[in-house]
Protein backbone atom coordinates (compact mmCIF):
# COMPACT_ATOMS: atom_id res chain seq x y z
CA MET A 1 -29.78 6.70 1.92
CA PRO A 2 -31.08 10.09 3.12
CA ASN A 3 -27.65 11.61 3.80
CA SER A 4 -25.48 11.10 0.79
CA PRO A 5 -21.86 10.21 1.59
CA ALA A 6 -20.81 12.32 -1.39
CA MET A 7 -21.69 15.46 0.55
CA ASP A 8 -19.05 14.74 3.20
CA MET A 9 -16.13 14.23 0.85
CA ASP A 10 -13.79 16.23 -1.31
CA PRO A 11 -15.31 16.15 -4.82
CA SER A 12 -11.91 15.42 -6.37
CA ASP A 13 -11.79 12.13 -4.43
CA ALA A 14 -14.87 10.83 -6.24
CA GLU A 15 -13.75 11.63 -9.76
CA PHE A 16 -13.19 8.91 -12.28
CA SER A 17 -10.19 9.01 -14.62
CA LYS A 18 -10.80 9.40 -18.35
CA SER A 19 -10.17 5.69 -18.95
CA GLU A 20 -12.58 4.75 -16.15
CA LEU A 21 -15.22 7.04 -17.64
CA ALA A 22 -14.67 5.36 -21.01
CA ASP A 23 -15.13 1.96 -19.33
CA LEU A 24 -18.38 3.15 -17.76
CA ALA A 25 -19.59 4.39 -21.15
CA GLN A 26 -19.54 0.77 -22.32
CA VAL A 27 -22.03 -0.40 -19.68
CA SER A 28 -25.69 0.42 -19.23
CA PRO A 29 -26.57 3.77 -17.65
CA GLU A 30 -28.03 1.94 -14.65
CA ILE A 31 -24.81 0.01 -13.99
CA ALA A 32 -22.71 3.13 -14.53
CA ASP A 33 -24.88 5.07 -12.07
CA GLN A 34 -24.77 2.32 -9.45
CA SER A 35 -21.01 1.97 -9.96
CA ARG A 36 -20.52 5.67 -9.19
CA LYS A 37 -22.75 5.39 -6.11
CA ASN A 38 -20.85 2.31 -4.90
CA PHE A 39 -17.52 4.04 -5.45
CA THR A 40 -18.61 7.17 -3.59
CA THR A 41 -19.86 5.13 -0.63
CA ILE A 42 -16.71 2.99 -0.48
CA LEU A 43 -14.44 6.02 -0.66
CA HIS A 44 -16.47 7.92 1.93
CA PHE A 45 -16.14 5.15 4.49
CA ILE A 46 -12.45 4.58 3.77
CA ASN A 47 -11.81 8.30 4.27
CA LYS A 48 -14.00 8.36 7.38
CA ALA A 49 -12.19 5.44 9.02
CA THR A 50 -8.71 6.48 7.72
CA ALA A 51 -6.45 4.33 5.62
CA THR A 52 -4.26 3.62 8.65
CA ALA A 53 -7.14 2.17 10.70
CA ILE A 54 -8.36 0.04 7.79
CA ALA A 55 -4.86 -1.21 7.05
CA ASP A 56 -4.40 -2.17 10.70
CA ARG A 57 -7.66 -4.14 10.65
CA MET A 58 -6.54 -5.93 7.49
CA GLY A 59 -2.99 -6.58 8.68
CA MET A 60 -1.32 -4.60 5.91
CA HIS A 61 0.52 -1.33 5.41
CA GLU A 62 -1.55 1.81 4.86
CA SER A 63 0.21 2.40 1.54
CA SER A 64 -1.72 -0.61 0.22
CA ILE A 65 -4.97 1.21 0.94
CA SER A 66 -3.68 4.40 -0.67
CA ARG A 67 -2.62 2.47 -3.78
CA ALA A 68 -6.04 0.85 -4.00
CA LYS A 69 -7.66 4.29 -3.86
CA SER A 70 -5.40 5.87 -6.45
CA GLY A 71 -4.74 2.84 -8.64
CA GLY A 72 -8.29 2.18 -9.77
CA GLN A 73 -8.98 -0.98 -7.77
CA LEU A 74 -11.84 0.68 -5.89
CA ASN A 75 -13.46 1.79 -9.15
CA TYR A 76 -13.11 -1.71 -10.53
CA CYS A 77 -14.68 -3.24 -7.41
CA ALA A 78 -17.51 -0.70 -7.47
CA ARG A 79 -18.21 -1.50 -11.14
CA LEU A 80 -17.99 -5.26 -10.53
CA LEU A 81 -20.50 -5.05 -7.67
CA ALA A 82 -22.86 -2.91 -9.74
CA ALA A 83 -22.67 -5.33 -12.68
CA ALA A 84 -23.51 -8.17 -10.28
CA GLY A 85 -26.61 -6.28 -9.18
CA LEU A 86 -25.23 -5.25 -5.81
CA LYS A 87 -24.93 -1.95 -4.03
CA VAL A 88 -22.71 -0.89 -1.16
CA VAL A 89 -24.43 0.08 2.08
CA PRO A 90 -23.10 0.62 5.61
CA VAL A 91 -22.99 -2.50 7.78
CA ASP A 92 -25.65 -1.09 10.11
CA ALA A 93 -28.03 -0.07 7.30
CA ILE A 94 -31.53 -1.50 7.21
CA VAL A 95 -32.22 -2.63 3.66
CA TYR A 96 -35.64 -3.39 2.23
CA LEU A 97 -36.01 -5.42 -0.97
CA GLN A 98 -38.57 -4.54 -3.59
CA PRO A 99 -41.34 -7.19 -3.81
CA ASP A 100 -40.18 -8.43 -7.23
CA GLU A 101 -36.71 -9.10 -5.77
CA TYR A 102 -38.03 -11.77 -3.37
CA ARG A 103 -38.03 -14.42 -6.10
């Protein structure tokens, strides 16, 4: 992505807790790096759309979104997606696979 979502956000929003950093230390550097990128992208778009708007779309209270952000669920999801070989991209992104990924 040419414009990194991390540039548009408060750096404190993208920080991992000490326990989350310890968890990332137990995975490969590639998964840890992709996990951080996934987390930054997820958080950027949640902040961009506002927790209230997202909660309305999901039929829940905005406090649920805030708890997910502060309670570590987003970091867990970002790490899970990275470990599964996935990355988070905007819905309107055009994604090209590397030739060896066509198998």
